[in-house]
Amino acid sequence: MIKRLLLLVFLIFISSLFAQENTTEFYDRLTKGYENLAKNDEKAFHYLNQMIAKAKDDKDYQQLANAYSHAVYYTKNNKFDYADSAIWASHLSKNSYVIANSYTLKGSVYYFDYRHYQKALDEYLTAYEYGKNINYPYLKNKIKYHIAVVKSYLGLSEAEELFEECVARFYAGINNSQHPNNIHNNRKGYLNSLHQLAILNENAGNHHKVDSLVAIGLESMPSSHDFDLERSYFYKCHGIAAFHKKNYEEADEFLNKALPQIQKSNDFTWEAAVFYYLGKSALAQNQESKALLYLEKVDDLFVQNQFLLPETRNVYELFIDHYRHKNEKDPQLYFTNQLLKLDSIHAVDFRNLTPRIHKKYDTEELVRQKKLLEEDQVRFKNWMGVMAMIVLILLIGLLYYFSKQKKLNKSYNELTQQLNNQTADSHARPKVVENKKSANALDEKIVQNLLQQLNEFENKQGFTKKGLSLQQLATQLKTNRAYLSQVINEFKGKNFSQYLNKLRIDYITKKLYHDQNYLKYSTDHLADEAGYSSRQQFSEAFNEINGIRPSAFQKKRKASLEKGV
């Protein structure tokens, strides 16, 4: 019985060992599937989701917190969700190291991905409380480093002392560790702490101290590509220090060496700073167009990320001055609004630092300038609206004028062609009255007699008599009104009024065309000679029959004669 019991215990122990080995192999296999993927590459979740499901089933909360921590690194849009899940799982694990590491992770999301410095500091301080009694020097130093970073950006004075402590502790960690991972991590911490000290000295204007720290950092830098980003940060510091010492070519060289790796790591804050100093360097070298291209990239990064470091704030003052000098109101207003927006963001997280930032334009002045620019913009838009209306009216007037001229030219050309044809016909054969029969049973002799008399009436210009009526003409032709009206309608194709107008207008038109003296006469004189008692009545009749006013016809005819047409 005892032997059976011992055998059962042995088998359970052996199976648990195999199960543990199998679980470890399972997690290792999944980790290898994603560990070489780039940040925010969500292909990692093919493996991470399996890891999370397994850890939940096994209630292995330490492994679950680890999986959620990796998920923070690889997700694009759900970093806070996974960071909170990592904190939740770490508390279930009841492991102070895991808890402190999870809060550090969430602080890094606030700091690196969103630049919410005050919130990042709160998370780091929580991590410090959970981690202060653990026996993991690297994590404790890492938390202190992050606290120092945030305090330096918030303008708190104790940051420099903390960084010097981190430099010493990470350096000791490099020398006291034997495990390659510990040496690697401590070296990263050491170099990053040197970089932050360089930033503090740079902001304080201690550029020679910056050179010393950069030299130490680069001398300590392993040649491995794992340290490319750290190397780029030291290049960046060297370039900025060179700019402040007015060594512009050297500044450009090192800033450009730093830029690719900083861009690759998506560190938009330092990317913007590099472009800012490249722009300032170009300005110092009187390369304005090149400078504007660099400085516009700073604004692009602000638009994309809604954050810039305080030291790059001056980019908007440069833009405002530039466009004020060019008297370009719209870009002035845009960059004024951008500066106000940036100041409002800085006012939240940089309460201690903001008052110490050199500001050429304070908020009150910016708001005043913005109001003036907006008023100018409204006035300009109103003025442009009035000008646009005037231009539209002028354009419509021009279109109407050219359309009218085109129509007049067409009417004049058709009329002159008709007059030329009539002249040719009159020379070709004399006008005779043909024998015509009435379709309305009028006596043929009466019709022929009236047509003959009308022909004489036309040839003698009897139609030029003013006030001539149908009854008067009938009396003159010794006929009755009804016969005369019927003959005119049937054989002239018009009523009496139309017939009379056509005779008068054709008469005066031929005079204008063939006799240059008539081109000198006034419209009143022409109307009088044609038999009209009213200038307006004459002009309307002329236009209706010829498609052109008499004054316009005179101008066109004069122009044609001058051209010899």
Protein backbone atom coordinates (compact mmCIF):
# COMPACT_ATOMS: atom_id res chain seq x y z
CA MET A 1 0.00 0.00 0.00
CA ILE A 2 2.78 2.39 0.96
CA LYS A 3 4.68 1.43 -2.19
CA ARG A 4 1.63 2.23 -4.33
CA LEU A 5 1.18 5.58 -2.60
CA LEU A 6 4.83 6.48 -3.11
CA LEU A 7 4.59 5.44 -6.77
CA LEU A 8 1.51 7.65 -7.24
CA VAL A 9 3.22 10.66 -5.66
CA PHE A 10 6.28 10.07 -7.86
CA LEU A 11 4.16 9.90 -11.01
CA ILE A 12 2.32 13.11 -10.11
CA PHE A 13 5.62 14.87 -9.47
CA ILE A 14 7.08 13.66 -12.78
CA SER A 15 3.97 14.70 -14.73
CA SER A 16 4.02 18.15 -13.13
CA LEU A 17 7.63 18.56 -14.16
CA PHE A 18 6.78 17.66 -17.74
CA ALA A 19 3.77 19.97 -17.64
CA GLN A 20 5.99 22.79 -16.38
CA GLU A 21 8.54 22.09 -19.07
CA ASN A 22 5.83 21.99 -21.71
CA THR A 23 4.36 25.31 -20.50
CA THR A 24 7.78 26.94 -20.47
CA GLU A 25 8.47 25.64 -23.98
CA PHE A 26 5.05 26.93 -25.09
CA TYR A 27 5.76 30.46 -23.85
CA ASP A 28 9.30 30.40 -25.26
CA ARG A 29 8.03 29.34 -28.67
CA LEU A 30 5.44 32.12 -28.72
CA THR A 31 7.96 34.71 -27.53
CA LYS A 32 10.33 33.80 -30.35
CA GLY A 33 7.46 34.39 -32.79
CA TYR A 34 7.22 38.10 -32.04
CA GLU A 35 10.34 39.26 -30.20
CA ASN A 36 12.05 40.52 -33.36
CA LEU A 37 9.04 42.45 -34.67
CA ALA A 38 9.10 46.26 -34.67
CA LYS A 39 7.17 48.40 -32.23
CA ASN A 40 3.44 48.72 -33.05
CA ASP A 41 3.58 45.71 -35.39
CA GLU A 42 0.29 44.02 -34.56
CA LYS A 43 1.30 40.74 -36.21
CA ALA A 44 2.66 39.98 -32.73
CA PHE A 45 -0.89 39.42 -31.49
CA HIS A 46 -1.06 36.11 -33.35
CA TYR A 47 1.27 34.88 -30.61
CA LEU A 48 0.31 37.21 -27.77
CA ASN A 49 -3.38 36.27 -27.83
CA GLN A 50 -2.41 32.60 -27.40
CA MET A 51 -0.08 33.52 -24.54
CA ILE A 52 -2.78 35.62 -22.81
CA ALA A 53 -5.38 32.84 -23.17
CA LYS A 54 -2.99 30.22 -21.78
CA ALA A 55 -1.97 32.41 -18.81
CA LYS A 56 -5.63 33.09 -17.98
CA ASP A 57 -6.51 29.39 -18.10
CA ASP A 58 -3.56 28.56 -15.85
CA LYS A 59 -4.22 31.59 -13.63
CA ASP A 60 -0.57 32.41 -14.07
CA TYR A 61 -0.95 36.13 -13.33
CA GLN A 62 2.75 36.89 -13.47
CA GLN A 63 2.94 35.49 -16.99
CA LEU A 64 -0.34 37.23 -17.83
CA ALA A 65 1.07 40.60 -16.70
CA ASN A 66 4.17 39.92 -18.81
CA ALA A 67 2.01 39.15 -21.89
CA TYR A 68 -0.05 42.32 -21.41
CA SER A 69 3.18 44.34 -21.04
CA HIS A 70 4.39 43.03 -24.39
CA ALA A 71 0.98 43.81 -25.89
CA VAL A 72 1.48 47.47 -24.91
CA TYR A 73 4.61 47.56 -27.06
CA TYR A 74 3.03 45.99 -30.14
CA THR A 75 -0.44 47.57 -30.21
CA LYS A 76 -1.00 50.76 -32.17
CA ASN A 77 -4.09 52.19 -30.54
CA ASN A 78 -4.83 50.30 -27.32
CA LYS A 79 -1.71 50.93 -25.26
CA PHE A 80 -3.57 52.22 -22.18
CA ASP A 81 -6.03 49.30 -22.25
CA TYR A 82 -3.22 46.75 -22.20
CA ALA A 83 -1.24 48.77 -19.65
CA ASP A 84 -4.24 48.75 -17.30
CA SER A 85 -4.66 45.01 -17.91
CA ALA A 86 -0.99 44.50 -17.02
CA ILE A 87 -1.51 46.41 -13.75
CA TRP A 88 -4.65 44.35 -12.98
CA ALA A 89 -2.84 41.04 -13.59
CA SER A 90 0.24 42.19 -11.63
CA HIS A 91 -1.86 42.89 -8.54
CA LEU A 92 -3.36 39.40 -8.79
CA SER A 93 0.16 38.01 -8.91
CA LYS A 94 0.93 39.77 -5.57
CA ASN A 95 4.51 40.17 -6.77
CA SER A 96 5.90 43.63 -5.95
CA TYR A 97 8.43 43.45 -8.80
CA VAL A 98 5.71 42.69 -11.35
CA ILE A 99 3.44 45.41 -9.92
CA ALA A 100 6.19 48.04 -9.96
CA ASN A 101 7.17 47.07 -13.50
CA SER A 102 3.54 47.41 -14.70
CA TYR A 103 3.16 50.92 -13.29
CA THR A 104 6.52 51.86 -14.83
CA LEU A 105 5.20 50.61 -18.17
CA LYS A 106 2.06 52.74 -17.97
CA GLY A 107 4.15 55.77 -17.02
CA SER A 108 6.27 55.17 -20.13
CA VAL A 109 3.14 55.14 -22.29
CA TYR A 110 2.14 58.53 -20.88
CA TYR A 111 5.70 59.83 -21.28
CA PHE A 112 6.93 58.46 -24.60
CA ASP A 113 3.75 57.94 -26.64
CA TYR A 114 1.59 60.85 -25.44
CA ARG A 115 3.94 63.27 -23.64
CA HIS A 116 1.62 63.66 -20.64
CA TYR A 117 4.40 64.37 -18.19
CA GLN A 118 2.43 64.95 -15.00
CA LYS A 119 0.43 61.74 -15.48
CA ALA A 120 3.63 59.87 -16.29
CA LEU A 121 5.20 61.13 -13.07
CA ASP A 122 2.19 59.92 -11.05
CA GLU A 123 2.58 56.40 -12.48
CA TYR A 124 6.35 56.36 -11.86
CA LEU A 125 5.89 57.47 -8.26
CA THR A 126 3.38 54.65 -7.74
CA ALA A 127 5.88 52.22 -9.26
CA TYR A 128 8.53 53.55 -6.88
CA GLU A 129 6.33 52.88 -3.84
CA TYR A 130 5.81 49.24 -4.87
CA GLY A 131 9.43 48.73 -5.89
CA LYS A 132 11.40 50.52 -3.16
CA ASN A 133 11.78 47.39 -1.02
CA ILE A 134 12.43 44.83 -3.76
CA ASN A 135 15.85 43.35 -4.34
CA TYR A 136 16.10 44.21 -8.04
CA PRO A 137 18.57 47.11 -8.35
CA TYR A 138 18.07 47.55 -12.10
CA LEU A 139 14.30 48.05 -11.83
CA LYS A 140 14.71 50.45 -8.90
CA ASN A 141 17.27 52.45 -10.86
CA LYS A 142 15.03 52.38 -13.95
CA ILE A 143 12.12 53.82 -11.96
CA LYS A 144 14.35 56.54 -10.50
CA TYR A 145 15.61 57.33 -13.98
CA HIS A 146 12.08 57.77 -15.32
CA ILE A 147 11.13 59.95 -12.35
CA ALA A 148 14.20 62.08 -13.01
CA VAL A 149 13.36 62.39 -16.73
CA VAL A 150 9.86 63.65 -16.02
CA LYS A 151 11.04 66.00 -13.28
CA SER A 152 13.62 67.47 -15.64
CA TYR A 153 10.95 68.24 -18.22
CA LEU A 154 8.69 69.66 -15.55
CA GLY A 155 11.50 71.99 -14.54
CA LEU A 156 11.96 70.56 -11.04
CA SER A 157 15.39 71.31 -9.58
CA GLU A 158 16.11 67.87 -8.08
CA ALA A 159 16.30 66.21 -11.53
CA GLU A 160 20.05 66.75 -11.99
CA GLU A 161 20.89 65.12 -8.65
CA LEU A 162 18.71 62.13 -9.52
CA PHE A 163 20.41 61.69 -12.90
CA GLU A 164 23.86 61.81 -11.32
CA GLU A 165 22.70 59.10 -8.91
CA CYS A 166 21.34 57.04 -11.84
CA VAL A 167 24.63 57.40 -13.73
CA ALA A 168 26.54 56.04 -10.74
CA ARG A 169 24.08 53.20 -10.04
CA PHE A 170 23.79 52.03 -13.66
CA TYR A 171 27.57 52.20 -14.03
CA ALA A 172 27.92 50.03 -10.93
CA GLY A 173 25.33 47.65 -12.40
CA ILE A 174 27.46 47.23 -15.53
CA ASN A 175 30.52 46.29 -13.47
CA ASN A 176 28.76 44.19 -10.84
CA SER A 177 26.60 42.09 -13.19
CA GLN A 178 27.64 38.92 -14.93
CA HIS A 179 24.47 38.15 -16.88
CA PRO A 180 24.63 39.67 -20.40
CA ASN A 181 21.04 40.95 -20.19
CA ASN A 182 21.75 42.80 -16.95
CA ILE A 183 24.93 44.31 -18.39
CA HIS A 184 23.03 45.36 -21.54
CA ASN A 185 20.15 46.92 -19.58
CA ASN A 186 22.43 48.77 -17.17
CA ARG A 187 24.54 50.10 -20.02
CA LYS A 188 21.39 51.44 -21.68
CA GLY A 189 20.41 53.07 -18.40
CA TYR A 190 23.88 54.55 -17.96
CA LEU A 191 23.95 56.06 -21.47
CA ASN A 192 20.41 57.39 -21.23
CA SER A 193 21.24 59.01 -17.86
CA LEU A 194 24.29 60.69 -19.41
CA HIS A 195 22.05 61.90 -22.25
CA GLN A 196 19.58 63.43 -19.81
CA LEU A 197 22.40 65.18 -17.92
CA ALA A 198 23.56 66.57 -21.26
CA ILE A 199 20.05 67.92 -21.90
CA LEU A 200 19.96 69.63 -18.50
CA ASN A 201 23.32 71.28 -19.12
CA GLU A 202 22.29 72.22 -22.64
CA ASN A 203 19.19 74.00 -21.30
CA ALA A 204 21.38 75.72 -18.68
CA GLY A 205 23.76 76.95 -21.38
CA ASN A 206 26.71 74.82 -20.18
CA HIS A 207 27.71 73.78 -23.71
CA HIS A 208 31.26 72.75 -22.84
CA LYS A 209 29.84 70.42 -20.17
CA VAL A 210 27.56 69.00 -22.85
CA ASP A 211 30.61 68.29 -25.01
CA SER A 212 32.24 66.45 -22.10
CA LEU A 213 29.16 64.29 -21.42
CA VAL A 214 28.76 63.54 -25.15
CA ALA A 215 32.41 62.47 -25.36
CA ILE A 216 31.98 60.15 -22.35
CA GLY A 217 28.80 58.69 -23.84
CA LEU A 218 30.26 58.04 -27.28
CA GLU A 219 33.43 56.52 -25.82
CA SER A 220 31.31 54.18 -23.69
CA MET A 221 29.03 53.27 -26.60
CA PRO A 222 29.14 49.65 -27.82
CA SER A 223 29.33 49.27 -31.60
CA SER A 224 26.19 47.11 -31.59
CA HIS A 225 23.14 48.32 -33.52
CA ASP A 226 21.17 47.87 -30.30
CA PHE A 227 22.63 51.23 -29.26
CA ASP A 228 21.98 53.15 -32.49
CA LEU A 229 19.28 55.29 -30.86
CA GLU A 230 21.46 56.19 -27.87
CA ARG A 231 24.28 57.09 -30.27
CA SER A 232 21.89 59.33 -32.22
CA TYR A 233 20.85 61.14 -29.05
CA PHE A 234 24.49 62.03 -28.32
CA TYR A 235 24.94 63.19 -31.94
CA LYS A 236 21.88 65.37 -31.45
CA CYS A 237 23.30 66.91 -28.26
CA HIS A 238 26.64 67.53 -29.97
CA GLY A 239 24.88 69.23 -32.90
CA ILE A 240 22.83 71.51 -30.64
CA ALA A 241 25.91 72.48 -28.62
CA ALA A 242 27.78 73.24 -31.87
CA PHE A 243 24.89 75.46 -32.97
CA HIS A 244 25.02 77.47 -29.75
CA LYS A 245 28.78 77.90 -30.28
CA LYS A 246 27.99 79.15 -33.83
CA ASN A 247 29.78 76.20 -35.45
CA TYR A 248 26.95 75.84 -37.96
CA GLU A 249 28.51 73.38 -40.40
CA GLU A 250 29.42 71.07 -37.52
CA ALA A 251 25.93 71.48 -36.09
CA ASP A 252 24.33 70.52 -39.42
CA GLU A 253 26.60 67.48 -39.75
CA PHE A 254 25.76 65.99 -36.35
CA LEU A 255 22.06 66.90 -36.41
CA ASN A 256 21.69 65.16 -39.77
CA LYS A 257 23.58 62.13 -38.43
CA ALA A 258 21.16 61.97 -35.50
CA LEU A 259 17.93 62.39 -37.46
CA PRO A 260 17.38 59.02 -39.25
CA GLN A 261 17.49 56.84 -36.13
CA ILE A 262 15.38 59.30 -34.12
CA GLN A 263 12.76 59.23 -36.89
CA LYS A 264 12.95 55.44 -37.03
CA SER A 265 12.17 55.23 -33.30
CA ASN A 266 9.14 57.56 -33.74
CA ASP A 267 10.54 59.99 -31.14
CA PHE A 268 8.67 62.94 -32.63
CA THR A 269 9.70 65.36 -29.85
CA TRP A 270 13.41 65.09 -30.58
CA GLU A 271 12.72 64.82 -34.31
CA ALA A 272 10.99 68.23 -34.07
CA ALA A 273 13.91 69.60 -32.02
CA VAL A 274 16.43 68.45 -34.64
CA PHE A 275 14.42 70.12 -37.43
CA TYR A 276 14.13 73.24 -35.26
CA TYR A 277 17.90 73.56 -34.82
CA LEU A 278 18.55 72.73 -38.49
CA GLY A 279 16.16 75.57 -39.36
CA LYS A 280 17.84 77.97 -36.93
CA SER A 281 21.25 77.01 -38.33
CA ALA A 282 20.04 77.67 -41.89
CA LEU A 283 18.72 81.08 -40.82
CA ALA A 284 22.07 81.90 -39.24
CA GLN A 285 23.68 81.05 -42.59
CA ASN A 286 21.19 83.26 -44.51
CA GLN A 287 19.51 80.25 -46.12
CA GLU A 288 15.94 81.41 -45.59
CA SER A 289 14.14 79.04 -47.99
CA LYS A 290 15.94 76.03 -46.55
CA ALA A 291 15.22 77.23 -43.01
CA LEU A 292 11.49 77.55 -43.70
CA LEU A 293 11.35 73.96 -44.97
CA TYR A 294 12.91 72.69 -41.75
CA LEU A 295 10.75 74.87 -39.51
CA GLU A 296 7.57 73.84 -41.36
CA LYS A 297 8.42 70.21 -40.50
CA VAL A 298 8.32 71.21 -36.83
CA ASP A 299 4.80 72.55 -37.30
CA ASP A 300 3.81 69.39 -39.19
CA LEU A 301 4.92 67.27 -36.22
CA PHE A 302 2.97 69.50 -33.84
CA VAL A 303 -0.16 69.17 -35.98
CA GLN A 304 0.22 65.37 -36.00
CA ASN A 305 1.05 64.90 -32.31
CA GLN A 306 -0.24 68.04 -30.55
CA PHE A 307 2.99 68.40 -28.59
CA LEU A 308 6.41 70.04 -28.83
CA LEU A 309 9.19 70.41 -26.28
CA PRO A 310 9.29 73.86 -24.63
CA GLU A 311 12.70 74.60 -26.15
CA THR A 312 11.20 74.44 -29.66
CA ARG A 313 8.39 76.91 -28.85
CA ASN A 314 10.40 79.70 -30.47
CA VAL A 315 9.67 78.19 -33.91
CA TYR A 316 6.30 79.98 -33.93
CA GLU A 317 7.81 83.31 -32.92
CA LEU A 318 10.18 82.93 -35.88
CA PHE A 319 7.23 82.26 -38.20
CA ILE A 320 5.24 85.21 -36.85
CA ASP A 321 8.17 87.60 -37.29
CA HIS A 322 8.87 86.26 -40.79
CA TYR A 323 5.33 86.72 -42.09
CA ARG A 324 4.86 90.03 -40.27
CA HIS A 325 7.93 91.34 -42.13
CA LYS A 326 6.33 90.14 -45.40
CA ASN A 327 2.96 91.62 -44.33
CA GLU A 328 1.19 88.30 -44.97
CA LYS A 329 -1.77 88.25 -42.59
CA ASP A 330 -3.12 84.74 -43.09
CA PRO A 331 0.09 82.86 -42.14
CA GLN A 332 0.59 85.31 -39.25
CA LEU A 333 -2.83 84.40 -37.88
CA TYR A 334 -2.27 80.67 -38.40
CA PHE A 335 1.04 80.61 -36.53
CA THR A 336 -0.33 82.88 -33.80
CA ASN A 337 -3.09 80.34 -33.22
CA GLN A 338 -0.54 77.52 -33.22
CA LEU A 339 1.56 79.29 -30.59
CA LEU A 340 -1.49 79.92 -28.39
CA LYS A 341 -2.43 76.25 -28.69
CA LEU A 342 1.11 75.11 -27.80
CA ASP A 343 1.23 77.46 -24.80
CA SER A 344 -2.07 76.07 -23.53
CA ILE A 345 -0.64 72.53 -23.73
CA HIS A 346 2.56 73.57 -21.95
CA ALA A 347 0.55 75.33 -19.25
CA VAL A 348 -0.93 71.97 -18.21
CA ASP A 349 2.21 69.88 -17.81
CA PHE A 350 4.93 72.52 -17.51
CA ARG A 351 3.59 74.74 -14.75
CA ASN A 352 7.00 75.00 -13.09
CA LEU A 353 8.94 75.36 -16.32
CA THR A 354 6.68 77.63 -18.39
CA PRO A 355 7.34 80.87 -16.46
CA ARG A 356 11.07 80.40 -17.08
CA ILE A 357 10.72 79.89 -20.85
CA HIS A 358 11.82 83.00 -22.70
CA LYS A 359 8.76 84.34 -24.48
CA LYS A 360 8.94 87.14 -26.96
CA TYR A 361 5.16 87.07 -27.20
CA ASP A 362 3.28 86.46 -23.98
CA THR A 363 -0.30 85.19 -24.04
CA GLU A 364 -1.91 88.61 -23.61
CA GLU A 365 0.08 90.03 -26.52
CA LEU A 366 -0.66 86.96 -28.67
CA VAL A 367 -4.40 87.26 -28.04
CA ARG A 368 -4.25 90.97 -28.90
CA GLN A 369 -2.33 90.26 -32.09
CA LYS A 370 -4.73 87.46 -32.98
CA LYS A 371 -7.70 89.81 -32.61
CA LEU A 372 -6.04 92.43 -34.82
CA LEU A 373 -5.17 89.82 -37.46
CA GLU A 374 -8.71 88.43 -37.42
CA GLU A 375 -10.12 91.95 -37.84
CA ASP A 376 -7.71 92.56 -40.73
CA GLN A 377 -8.75 89.24 -42.23
CA VAL A 378 -12.45 90.20 -42.03
CA ARG A 379 -11.73 93.59 -43.60
CA PHE A 380 -9.65 91.93 -46.30
CA LYS A 381 -12.38 89.39 -47.04
CA ASN A 382 -14.98 92.17 -47.22
CA TRP A 383 -12.71 94.19 -49.52
CA MET A 384 -12.09 91.13 -51.65
CA GLY A 385 -15.83 90.53 -51.78
CA VAL A 386 -16.43 94.09 -53.03
CA MET A 387 -13.60 93.77 -55.54
CA ALA A 388 -14.94 90.43 -56.71
CA MET A 389 -18.37 92.01 -57.22
CA ILE A 390 -16.84 94.90 -59.16
CA VAL A 391 -14.81 92.51 -61.29
CA LEU A 392 -17.93 90.39 -61.87
CA ILE A 393 -19.92 93.44 -62.93
CA LEU A 394 -17.10 94.56 -65.23
CA LEU A 395 -16.83 91.07 -66.66
CA ILE A 396 -20.56 90.91 -67.30
CA GLY A 397 -20.34 94.39 -68.85
CA LEU A 398 -17.48 93.32 -71.09
CA LEU A 399 -19.27 90.14 -72.12
CA TYR A 400 -22.39 92.16 -72.88
CA TYR A 401 -20.32 94.72 -74.82
CA PHE A 402 -18.51 92.13 -76.92
CA SER A 403 -21.73 90.20 -77.50
CA LYS A 404 -23.43 93.40 -78.61
CA GLN A 405 -20.50 94.31 -80.84
CA LYS A 406 -20.57 90.87 -82.38
CA LYS A 407 -24.28 91.20 -83.03
CA LEU A 408 -23.82 94.70 -84.47
CA ASN A 409 -21.04 93.52 -86.75
CA LYS A 410 -23.20 90.67 -87.97
CA SER A 411 -26.18 92.98 -88.59
CA TYR A 412 -23.99 95.58 -90.32
CA ASN A 413 -22.33 93.01 -92.55
CA GLU A 414 -25.65 91.44 -93.53
CA LEU A 415 -27.14 94.87 -94.21
CA THR A 416 -24.24 96.07 -96.33
CA GLN A 417 -24.31 92.82 -98.27
CA GLN A 418 -28.02 93.34 -98.89
CA LEU A 419 -27.40 96.94 -100.01
CA ASN A 420 -24.64 95.83 -102.36
CA ASN A 421 -26.94 93.20 -103.87
CA GLN A 422 -29.73 95.74 -104.32
CA THR A 423 -27.31 98.10 -106.07
CA ALA A 424 -26.21 95.34 -108.41
CA ASP A 425 -29.83 94.42 -109.21
CA SER A 426 -30.80 98.02 -109.90
CA HIS A 427 -27.94 98.32 -112.40
CA ALA A 428 -28.79 94.99 -114.00
CA ARG A 429 -32.42 95.74 -114.96
CA PRO A 430 -34.86 98.67 -114.57
CA LYS A 431 -37.74 98.34 -112.17
CA VAL A 432 -41.10 97.69 -113.94
CA VAL A 433 -44.51 97.02 -112.62
CA GLU A 434 -45.67 93.55 -113.56
CA ASN A 435 -49.30 92.73 -114.30
CA LYS A 436 -50.66 91.06 -111.21
CA LYS A 437 -54.02 89.65 -110.37
CA SER A 438 -55.68 90.07 -107.01
CA ALA A 439 -56.46 86.99 -105.03
CA ASN A 440 -59.38 88.83 -103.44
CA ALA A 441 -61.43 89.54 -106.57
CA LEU A 442 -60.36 93.15 -106.93
CA ASP A 443 -60.74 94.56 -110.39
CA GLU A 444 -57.50 93.98 -112.32
CA LYS A 445 -57.47 97.52 -113.72
CA ILE A 446 -57.84 98.98 -110.24
CA VAL A 447 -55.00 96.80 -108.94
CA GLN A 448 -52.66 97.71 -111.80
CA ASN A 449 -53.52 101.37 -111.48
CA LEU A 450 -52.83 101.41 -107.74
CA LEU A 451 -49.58 99.49 -108.10
CA GLN A 452 -48.45 101.93 -110.77
CA GLN A 453 -49.27 104.88 -108.53
CA LEU A 454 -47.54 103.28 -105.54
CA ASN A 455 -44.46 102.80 -107.71
CA GLU A 456 -44.47 106.49 -108.55
CA PHE A 457 -45.10 107.30 -104.86
CA GLU A 458 -42.03 105.30 -103.91
CA ASN A 459 -39.82 106.72 -106.68
CA LYS A 460 -40.69 110.31 -105.72
CA GLN A 461 -40.08 109.58 -101.98
CA GLY A 462 -43.63 110.54 -101.16
CA PHE A 463 -43.28 108.45 -98.03
CA THR A 464 -40.98 111.09 -96.44
CA LYS A 465 -43.96 113.36 -95.82
CA LYS A 466 -44.48 113.72 -92.11
CA GLY A 467 -47.75 112.55 -90.60
CA LEU A 468 -48.77 110.68 -93.76
CA SER A 469 -51.79 108.44 -93.10
CA LEU A 470 -53.53 105.72 -95.07
CA GLN A 471 -56.48 108.01 -95.73
CA GLN A 472 -54.24 110.83 -96.95
CA LEU A 473 -52.43 108.53 -99.35
CA ALA A 474 -55.73 107.07 -100.61
CA THR A 475 -57.00 110.60 -101.31
CA GLN A 476 -53.71 111.44 -103.03
CA LEU A 477 -54.03 108.33 -105.25
CA LYS A 478 -57.75 109.01 -105.95
CA THR A 479 -58.93 105.74 -104.50
CA ASN A 480 -60.66 104.63 -101.38
CA ARG A 481 -58.99 103.58 -98.18
CA ALA A 482 -60.21 99.97 -98.34
CA TYR A 483 -58.83 99.29 -101.84
CA LEU A 484 -55.47 100.86 -101.02
CA SER A 485 -55.12 98.92 -97.77
CA GLN A 486 -56.03 95.65 -99.53
CA VAL A 487 -53.52 96.19 -102.36
CA ILE A 488 -50.70 97.09 -99.93
CA ASN A 489 -51.42 94.07 -97.76
CA GLU A 490 -51.74 91.66 -100.68
CA PHE A 491 -49.01 92.88 -103.02
CA LYS A 492 -46.54 94.52 -100.59
CA GLY A 493 -46.94 91.86 -97.92
CA LYS A 494 -47.36 94.42 -95.14
CA ASN A 495 -49.89 96.64 -93.50
CA PHE A 496 -49.73 100.36 -94.27
CA SER A 497 -47.66 101.27 -91.18
CA GLN A 498 -45.10 98.53 -91.88
CA TYR A 499 -44.99 99.46 -95.56
CA LEU A 500 -44.37 103.11 -94.77
CA ASN A 501 -41.67 102.35 -92.16
CA LYS A 502 -39.87 100.00 -94.55
CA LEU A 503 -39.83 102.61 -97.33
CA ARG A 504 -38.56 105.34 -95.01
CA ILE A 505 -35.85 103.21 -93.35
CA ASP A 506 -34.68 101.68 -96.66
CA TYR A 507 -34.46 105.19 -98.11
CA ILE A 508 -32.38 106.66 -95.28
CA THR A 509 -30.22 103.49 -95.04
CA LYS A 510 -29.27 103.79 -98.73
CA LYS A 511 -28.48 107.46 -98.21
CA LEU A 512 -26.19 106.61 -95.29
CA TYR A 513 -24.47 103.88 -97.27
CA HIS A 514 -23.98 105.71 -100.56
CA ASP A 515 -23.74 109.38 -99.52
CA GLN A 516 -20.94 110.19 -97.08
CA ASN A 517 -22.54 113.53 -96.24
CA TYR A 518 -25.30 111.66 -94.45
CA LEU A 519 -22.73 110.12 -92.13
CA LYS A 520 -22.23 113.60 -90.65
CA TYR A 521 -25.92 114.17 -89.90
CA SER A 522 -27.43 113.84 -86.46
CA THR A 523 -30.09 111.27 -85.70
CA ASP A 524 -32.64 114.07 -85.42
CA HIS A 525 -31.78 115.31 -88.92
CA LEU A 526 -32.01 111.78 -90.36
CA ALA A 527 -35.37 111.22 -88.67
CA ASP A 528 -36.68 114.47 -90.07
CA GLU A 529 -35.55 113.67 -93.59
CA ALA A 530 -37.07 110.19 -93.42
CA GLY A 531 -40.43 111.66 -92.46
CA TYR A 532 -40.44 110.89 -88.75
CA SER A 533 -41.58 113.47 -86.28
CA SER A 534 -39.81 111.64 -83.41
CA ARG A 535 -36.14 110.76 -83.15
CA GLN A 536 -36.98 107.81 -80.85
CA GLN A 537 -39.60 106.47 -83.29
CA PHE A 538 -37.07 106.66 -86.13
CA SER A 539 -34.31 104.96 -84.15
CA GLU A 540 -36.61 102.12 -83.03
CA ALA A 541 -37.87 101.55 -86.57
CA PHE A 542 -34.32 101.58 -87.98
CA ASN A 543 -33.18 99.03 -85.38
CA GLU A 544 -36.21 96.81 -85.91
CA ILE A 545 -35.76 96.65 -89.68
CA ASN A 546 -31.94 96.67 -89.91
CA GLY A 547 -30.94 95.10 -86.59
CA ILE A 548 -28.72 98.09 -85.76
CA ARG A 549 -29.24 101.65 -84.50
CA PRO A 550 -28.67 104.48 -87.00
CA SER A 551 -25.83 105.98 -84.89
CA ALA A 552 -24.09 102.59 -84.75
CA PHE A 553 -24.52 102.13 -88.49
CA GLN A 554 -22.93 105.54 -89.08
CA LYS A 555 -19.89 104.59 -86.96
CA LYS A 556 -19.48 101.25 -88.69
CA ARG A 557 -19.82 102.82 -92.14
CA LYS A 558 -17.25 105.52 -91.31
CA ALA A 559 -14.83 102.88 -90.07
CA SER A 560 -15.33 100.81 -93.22
CA LEU A 561 -14.70 103.79 -95.46
CA GLU A 562 -11.53 104.70 -93.52
CA LYS A 563 -10.29 101.16 -94.10
CA GLY A 564 -11.22 101.44 -97.77
CA VAL A 565 -13.83 98.71 -97.56
